[in-house]
Amino acid sequence: MRLTLPLGGLAAAALTVAMSGCGSSSIDPIAQAANATLASDGTTLTMNARMSGAGLPGTLTMKGRGAINLRDEQGSFALTVAGANKVEPMQEHLSGQTVYVSSPALVGKLPGGKRYLEIDYGQITQGLLGLNVSSLTSGESNPADILRFLKAGGGGVSNDGTAPIGGVPTTHYHGEVEYSALVSQVPHAQQAQARAAVSKLESVEGVDGFPVDVWIDHRHLVRQLTMNLDVKPGGQPVAMRLTMDMTYGPVAFGTAPPASESYNATSQVLSAAQSGASG
């Protein structure tokens, strides 16, 4: 199962680390940074990703830049996806757990002449895992969710020294996300359901977590985040590397397209993901 169709959803797909296993007496710099970053209302993101493995037409590279209000989960991105001797430009708009995608490759191919694909990742995770991931981390549909994972991760965190990112001094932290730690993020009454969903996720992905690296500045804001996902859907290895650089300040972005211009492909994506998970 890979919920990583658009680059904004890589985030899907995702994301990452806290110190719930490191002792209550110490201050958790990762969770502190996640809180501070999620409270910001203006973030510019530069994203780079690379995917390779079974079922893909060679190595795919994805690059994007855009603006997002992490607090309200609204944003827009311009992307390029390169692979199989093709380079495809894309535009994305994120609204909560829903992503809207437009591309020249879609022109004339959507019903009713519509211009945008609409994908609801909350519905997809509900269908795949029996639980809307928003119950755990607010979904896997946008970069804000990467930061929510930072508050849940479950593995230990190490301080790997200092380094400038974009000219800003930062401290580099490394850690491991454990999917099982996400269960604690839901109300007690839902934890049995969440535990079953996490177990299914681990079975489908073939892993129980992933490593992350985060660079945090003196204001406790995340300046760079990298993820390394090595999953085995259906026993076939797929590797993804994602890097996000963040700067902060006023941003401007468009609004979600109206229903008259968007084609909801959630059911088709869910069906394809279910086929891939069972295969």
Protein backbone atom coordinates (compact mmCIF):
# COMPACT_ATOMS: atom_id res chain seq x y z
CA MET A 1 0.00 0.00 0.00
CA ARG A 2 1.47 3.36 -0.98
CA LEU A 3 -0.47 6.55 -0.41
CA THR A 4 2.11 8.64 -2.20
CA LEU A 5 0.45 9.70 -5.42
CA PRO A 6 1.07 13.47 -5.34
CA LEU A 7 4.20 14.93 -3.76
CA GLY A 8 2.11 16.82 -1.23
CA GLY A 9 0.78 13.45 -0.16
CA LEU A 10 4.26 12.13 0.51
CA ALA A 11 4.19 13.70 3.24
CA ALA A 12 2.21 10.98 2.84
CA ALA A 13 2.50 9.40 3.37
CA ALA A 14 3.45 10.80 6.19
CA LEU A 15 5.83 11.13 9.31
CA THR A 16 7.82 11.14 12.48
CA VAL A 17 9.41 10.97 15.68
CA ALA A 18 8.98 11.79 19.29
CA MET A 19 10.54 10.83 22.52
CA SER A 20 7.68 9.05 24.18
CA GLY A 21 10.14 6.27 24.92
CA CYS A 22 12.93 8.53 26.14
CA GLY A 23 11.75 9.36 29.64
CA SER A 24 9.32 11.91 30.96
CA SER A 25 12.02 13.92 32.76
CA SER A 26 13.59 15.25 29.58
CA ILE A 27 12.17 17.95 27.32
CA ASP A 28 11.29 16.55 23.90
CA PRO A 29 12.80 18.93 21.32
CA ILE A 30 11.07 17.14 18.44
CA ALA A 31 7.56 17.40 19.87
CA GLN A 32 8.29 20.99 20.92
CA ALA A 33 9.32 21.82 17.35
CA ALA A 34 6.28 20.04 15.93
CA ASN A 35 4.00 22.15 18.11
CA ALA A 36 5.75 25.41 17.21
CA THR A 37 5.84 24.63 13.49
CA LEU A 38 2.20 23.53 13.34
CA ALA A 39 1.20 26.80 15.02
CA SER A 40 2.78 28.86 12.22
CA ASP A 41 0.38 30.29 9.66
CA GLY A 42 2.85 30.81 6.84
CA THR A 43 5.35 28.22 5.56
CA THR A 44 7.11 27.94 2.21
CA LEU A 45 8.11 24.36 1.39
CA THR A 46 10.67 23.05 -1.07
CA MET A 47 10.32 19.30 -1.54
CA ASN A 48 12.47 16.69 -3.29
CA ALA A 49 11.65 13.00 -3.45
CA ARG A 50 12.96 9.89 -5.16
CA MET A 51 11.13 6.56 -5.46
CA SER A 52 12.36 3.27 -6.86
CA GLY A 53 11.40 -0.37 -6.67
CA ALA A 54 9.07 -3.05 -7.92
CA GLY A 55 6.12 -1.93 -9.99
CA LEU A 56 7.61 1.45 -10.87
CA PRO A 57 8.85 2.42 -14.37
CA GLY A 58 12.40 2.96 -13.17
CA THR A 59 13.34 5.66 -10.68
CA LEU A 60 10.84 8.48 -10.21
CA THR A 61 12.04 11.89 -9.06
CA MET A 62 9.66 14.53 -7.78
CA LYS A 63 10.39 18.17 -7.06
CA GLY A 64 8.05 20.85 -5.81
CA ARG A 65 7.72 24.23 -4.19
CA GLY A 66 4.72 25.82 -2.59
CA ALA A 67 3.11 27.55 0.34
CA ILE A 68 1.04 26.10 3.13
CA ASN A 69 -0.78 27.24 6.23
CA LEU A 70 0.05 24.30 8.48
CA ARG A 71 -2.35 25.44 11.18
CA ASP A 72 -5.36 25.48 8.83
CA GLU A 73 -4.05 22.74 6.47
CA GLN A 74 -4.45 24.73 3.28
CA GLY A 75 -1.78 25.05 0.60
CA SER A 76 -0.77 25.06 -3.06
CA PHE A 77 2.23 23.50 -4.83
CA ALA A 78 3.86 23.44 -8.25
CA LEU A 79 5.51 20.08 -8.98
CA THR A 80 7.40 18.15 -11.60
CA VAL A 81 7.52 14.35 -11.78
CA ALA A 82 10.25 12.78 -13.91
CA GLY A 83 10.61 9.14 -14.89
CA ALA A 84 10.37 6.72 -17.80
CA ASN A 85 11.80 9.43 -20.12
CA LYS A 86 8.95 11.82 -19.25
CA VAL A 87 8.71 15.01 -17.25
CA GLU A 88 5.22 15.94 -16.11
CA PRO A 89 4.37 19.29 -14.50
CA MET A 90 1.61 19.25 -11.90
CA GLN A 91 -0.29 21.68 -9.71
CA GLU A 92 -1.68 20.64 -6.34
CA HIS A 93 -3.99 22.24 -3.84
CA LEU A 94 -4.27 20.76 -0.36
CA SER A 95 -7.36 21.22 1.79
CA GLY A 96 -7.29 19.16 4.96
CA GLN A 97 -7.13 15.51 3.94
CA THR A 98 -8.11 16.22 0.33
CA VAL A 99 -5.68 16.90 -2.50
CA TYR A 100 -6.65 18.38 -5.87
CA VAL A 101 -4.27 17.67 -8.78
CA SER A 102 -4.12 19.27 -12.23
CA SER A 103 -1.68 18.53 -15.04
CA PRO A 104 -1.43 18.92 -18.81
CA ALA A 105 -1.46 15.10 -18.88
CA LEU A 106 -5.05 15.18 -17.57
CA VAL A 107 -6.41 17.66 -20.11
CA GLY A 108 -9.30 16.12 -22.03
CA LYS A 109 -9.13 12.87 -20.05
CA LEU A 110 -11.43 13.61 -17.11
CA PRO A 111 -15.23 13.22 -17.31
CA GLY A 112 -17.19 16.32 -18.16
CA GLY A 113 -14.09 18.24 -19.19
CA LYS A 114 -13.08 18.69 -15.56
CA ARG A 115 -9.60 19.99 -14.81
CA TYR A 116 -8.74 18.55 -11.38
CA LEU A 117 -8.48 15.10 -9.82
CA GLU A 118 -9.81 15.09 -6.26
CA ILE A 119 -8.49 12.48 -3.80
CA ASP A 120 -9.61 12.17 -0.17
CA TYR A 121 -6.88 10.39 1.76
CA GLY A 122 -9.06 10.09 4.86
CA GLN A 123 -11.50 7.90 2.93
CA ILE A 124 -8.64 5.88 1.46
CA THR A 125 -7.07 5.06 4.82
CA GLN A 126 -10.51 4.27 6.22
CA GLY A 127 -11.06 1.79 3.40
CA LEU A 128 -7.59 0.24 3.62
CA LEU A 129 -7.07 0.11 7.36
CA GLY A 130 -10.57 0.29 8.80
CA LEU A 131 -9.68 3.57 10.48
CA ASN A 132 -9.41 7.11 9.19
CA VAL A 133 -5.79 8.03 9.83
CA SER A 134 -7.00 11.44 10.96
CA SER A 135 -7.87 9.67 14.20
CA LEU A 136 -4.16 9.06 14.63
CA THR A 137 -2.41 12.01 13.03
CA SER A 138 -5.02 13.90 11.01
CA GLY A 139 -4.34 11.88 7.88
CA GLU A 140 -1.52 11.33 5.42
CA SER A 141 -2.63 13.89 2.92
CA ASN A 142 -0.34 16.84 3.56
CA PRO A 143 2.95 17.99 5.12
CA ALA A 144 1.27 19.00 8.37
CA ASP A 145 0.78 15.30 9.06
CA ILE A 146 4.51 14.70 8.87
CA LEU A 147 4.89 17.04 11.81
CA ARG A 148 2.10 15.36 13.76
CA PHE A 149 3.97 12.09 13.47
CA LEU A 150 6.88 13.91 15.11
CA LYS A 151 4.83 14.13 18.27
CA ALA A 152 4.00 10.43 18.36
CA GLY A 153 7.00 8.56 16.94
CA GLY A 154 7.84 6.17 19.78
CA GLY A 155 11.53 5.62 19.07
CA GLY A 156 14.56 7.27 20.65
CA VAL A 157 15.97 10.57 19.44
CA SER A 158 19.66 11.46 19.17
CA ASN A 159 21.26 14.91 18.92
CA ASP A 160 23.59 14.74 15.91
CA GLY A 161 25.16 18.19 16.28
CA THR A 162 24.61 21.52 14.57
CA ALA A 163 24.46 22.61 10.92
CA PRO A 164 23.24 25.65 8.98
CA ILE A 165 20.14 25.15 6.82
CA GLY A 166 19.50 27.95 4.36
CA GLY A 167 21.91 30.11 6.35
CA VAL A 168 20.00 29.52 9.61
CA PRO A 169 21.81 27.75 12.51
CA THR A 170 20.02 24.52 13.45
CA THR A 171 20.36 21.44 15.63
CA HIS A 172 20.13 18.09 13.85
CA TYR A 173 18.06 15.32 15.47
CA HIS A 174 17.71 11.73 14.28
CA GLY A 175 15.03 9.30 15.35
CA GLU A 176 12.87 6.31 14.52
CA VAL A 177 9.12 6.35 14.06
CA GLU A 178 7.27 3.31 15.36
CA TYR A 179 3.78 2.90 13.95
CA SER A 180 2.63 1.27 17.19
CA ALA A 181 3.26 4.54 19.07
CA LEU A 182 0.45 6.20 17.11
CA VAL A 183 -2.14 4.20 19.03
CA SER A 184 -1.61 6.43 22.05
CA GLN A 185 -2.76 9.44 19.99
CA VAL A 186 -6.41 8.34 19.90
CA PRO A 187 -8.99 8.29 22.71
CA HIS A 188 -8.90 5.15 24.85
CA ALA A 189 -12.24 3.95 23.47
CA GLN A 190 -10.76 3.85 19.94
CA GLN A 191 -7.39 2.34 20.77
CA ALA A 192 -8.36 -1.27 20.04
CA GLN A 193 -9.49 -0.22 16.56
CA ALA A 194 -6.34 1.85 16.12
CA ARG A 195 -4.17 -1.07 17.24
CA ALA A 196 -5.81 -3.29 14.61
CA ALA A 197 -5.28 -0.60 11.93
CA VAL A 198 -1.59 -0.25 12.83
CA SER A 199 -1.17 -4.02 12.74
CA LYS A 200 -2.70 -4.11 9.27
CA LEU A 201 -0.49 -1.23 8.14
CA GLU A 202 2.62 -3.05 9.37
CA SER A 203 1.51 -6.23 7.60
CA VAL A 204 0.83 -4.47 4.30
CA GLU A 205 3.95 -2.30 4.34
CA GLY A 206 6.21 -5.09 5.60
CA VAL A 207 7.82 -2.73 8.14
CA ASP A 208 6.91 -1.36 11.56
CA GLY A 209 8.36 2.13 11.22
CA PHE A 210 10.95 4.32 9.53
CA PRO A 211 13.86 6.70 10.32
CA VAL A 212 13.70 10.48 10.12
CA ASP A 213 16.09 13.40 10.49
CA VAL A 214 14.98 16.88 11.56
CA TRP A 215 16.88 20.19 11.72
CA ILE A 216 15.41 22.68 14.22
CA ASP A 217 16.27 26.36 14.69
CA HIS A 218 16.47 28.45 17.88
CA ARG A 219 12.77 29.36 17.59
CA HIS A 220 11.91 25.63 17.72
CA LEU A 221 10.83 25.70 14.06
CA VAL A 222 11.60 22.80 11.72
CA ARG A 223 13.92 24.00 8.94
CA GLN A 224 14.53 20.68 7.20
CA LEU A 225 13.10 17.19 7.45
CA THR A 226 14.17 14.01 5.68
CA MET A 227 12.41 10.65 5.59
CA ASN A 228 13.61 7.27 4.39
CA LEU A 229 10.85 4.78 3.69
CA ASP A 230 11.77 1.22 2.72
CA VAL A 231 8.50 -0.68 2.46
CA LYS A 232 7.60 -4.08 1.05
CA PRO A 233 4.02 -4.02 -0.23
CA GLY A 234 3.17 -7.53 -1.37
CA GLY A 235 6.73 -8.53 -0.49
CA GLN A 236 8.16 -6.26 -3.21
CA PRO A 237 10.67 -3.64 -2.00
CA VAL A 238 9.96 0.03 -2.68
CA ALA A 239 12.25 2.79 -1.44
CA MET A 240 11.38 6.47 -1.06
CA ARG A 241 13.58 9.36 0.04
CA LEU A 242 11.90 12.67 0.86
CA THR A 243 13.48 15.99 1.87
CA MET A 244 11.49 19.09 2.81
CA ASP A 245 13.05 22.52 3.44
CA MET A 246 10.92 25.12 5.23
CA THR A 247 11.02 28.90 5.57
CA TYR A 248 8.53 31.03 7.44
CA GLY A 249 6.62 34.25 6.76
CA PRO A 250 3.50 35.52 4.99
CA VAL A 251 2.35 33.27 2.15
CA ALA A 252 -0.37 33.39 -0.48
CA PHE A 253 -2.08 30.47 -2.19
CA GLY A 254 -5.26 29.76 -4.09
CA THR A 255 -8.43 28.10 -2.93
CA ALA A 256 -9.67 24.59 -3.63
CA PRO A 257 -11.34 24.28 -7.04
CA PRO A 258 -15.14 24.14 -7.11
CA ALA A 259 -16.91 20.82 -7.51
CA SER A 260 -17.81 21.78 -11.08
CA GLU A 261 -14.10 21.63 -12.02
CA SER A 262 -12.98 18.58 -10.03
CA TYR A 263 -13.47 14.85 -10.57
CA ASN A 264 -13.49 12.79 -7.39
CA ALA A 265 -11.26 9.77 -8.05
CA THR A 266 -11.08 8.60 -4.44
CA SER A 267 -12.95 5.35 -5.09
CA GLN A 268 -10.70 4.44 -8.03
CA VAL A 269 -7.56 5.18 -6.04
CA LEU A 270 -8.86 3.15 -3.12
CA SER A 271 -9.68 0.22 -5.41
CA ALA A 272 -6.19 0.32 -6.95
CA ALA A 273 -4.57 0.54 -3.51
CA GLN A 274 -6.63 -2.40 -2.24
CA SER A 275 -5.59 -4.45 -5.27
CA GLY A 276 -1.96 -3.59 -4.65
CA ALA A 277 -2.22 -4.41 -0.95
CA SER A 278 -3.78 -7.81 -1.62
CA GLY A 279 -1.38 -8.59 -4.43
